[in-house]
Amino acid sequence: MIAFVALRDGFTAGDNELLELARNRIADYKAPERILFLPVLTKGLTGKVQRRDLRTIALVSLEIELTVSA
């Protein structure tokens, strides 16, 4: 599972910090394995986050990871 995070201006957080926070507050099977930081979360006309865009970003990120490690 991947968590997508867009920090507000002036705030900072590391992936390890957020992963530990998630593991302490929610069940282990619900905690994300990876965190991807984005400048903004794209939203549609109704203000909802565009999950299809997030899926595409996750797939591209995974492809880049696989090509770098190969």
Protein backbone atom coordinates (compact mmCIF):
# COMPACT_ATOMS: atom_id res chain seq x y z
CA MET A 1 0.00 0.00 0.00
CA ILE A 2 1.23 3.48 -0.85
CA ALA A 3 0.38 6.72 0.92
CA PHE A 4 0.43 9.95 -1.06
CA VAL A 5 1.36 13.03 0.95
CA ALA A 6 1.21 16.70 -0.02
CA LEU A 7 2.57 18.81 2.83
CA ARG A 8 1.21 22.26 3.49
CA ASP A 9 3.50 25.22 3.00
CA GLY A 10 5.96 25.59 5.86
CA PHE A 11 5.58 22.02 7.12
CA THR A 12 8.19 19.30 6.87
CA ALA A 13 8.06 15.58 7.53
CA GLY A 14 10.16 12.62 6.53
CA ASP A 15 8.90 9.33 5.21
CA ASN A 16 10.27 7.40 8.18
CA GLU A 17 8.54 9.79 10.58
CA LEU A 18 5.19 9.38 8.82
CA LEU A 19 5.53 5.60 8.53
CA GLU A 20 6.22 5.31 12.25
CA LEU A 21 3.27 7.57 13.04
CA ALA A 22 0.98 5.41 10.90
CA ARG A 23 2.23 2.18 12.45
CA ASN A 24 1.61 3.54 15.95
CA ARG A 25 -1.91 4.78 15.21
CA ILE A 26 -3.45 2.20 12.88
CA ALA A 27 -3.38 -1.57 12.49
CA ASP A 28 -0.22 -3.00 10.92
CA TYR A 29 -2.06 -4.35 7.88
CA LYS A 30 -3.47 -0.86 7.18
CA ALA A 31 -0.15 0.99 7.46
CA PRO A 32 1.44 2.00 4.14
CA GLU A 33 4.60 0.32 2.95
CA ARG A 34 5.78 3.40 1.03
CA ILE A 35 5.12 7.11 1.06
CA LEU A 36 5.23 9.27 -2.04
CA PHE A 37 5.52 13.02 -1.54
CA LEU A 38 3.75 15.18 -4.10
CA PRO A 39 3.67 18.96 -4.48
CA VAL A 40 -0.16 18.87 -4.63
CA LEU A 41 -2.92 16.29 -4.77
CA THR A 42 -4.89 16.82 -7.98
CA LYS A 43 -8.59 17.39 -7.39
CA GLY A 44 -11.58 17.36 -9.67
CA LEU A 45 -14.39 19.87 -9.99
CA THR A 46 -16.10 18.53 -6.88
CA GLY A 47 -12.93 18.87 -4.79
CA LYS A 48 -12.28 15.14 -4.51
CA VAL A 49 -8.77 13.78 -4.99
CA GLN A 50 -8.32 12.21 -8.42
CA ARG A 51 -7.47 8.60 -7.54
CA ARG A 52 -6.77 7.68 -11.17
CA ASP A 53 -4.00 10.26 -11.25
CA LEU A 54 -2.54 8.81 -8.05
CA ARG A 55 -2.64 5.31 -9.54
CA THR A 56 -0.73 6.55 -12.60
CA ILE A 57 1.86 8.29 -10.42
CA ALA A 58 2.32 5.10 -8.39
CA LEU A 59 2.82 2.99 -11.51
CA VAL A 60 5.35 5.42 -12.98
CA SER A 61 7.20 5.54 -9.66
CA LEU A 62 7.30 1.74 -9.52
CA GLU A 63 8.58 1.51 -13.12
CA ILE A 64 11.36 4.00 -12.37
CA GLU A 65 12.30 2.04 -9.26
CA LEU A 66 12.45 -1.23 -11.19
CA THR A 67 14.58 0.18 -13.99
CA VAL A 68 17.01 1.78 -11.56
CA SER A 69 17.41 -1.43 -9.54
CA ALA A 70 17.79 -3.65 -12.62
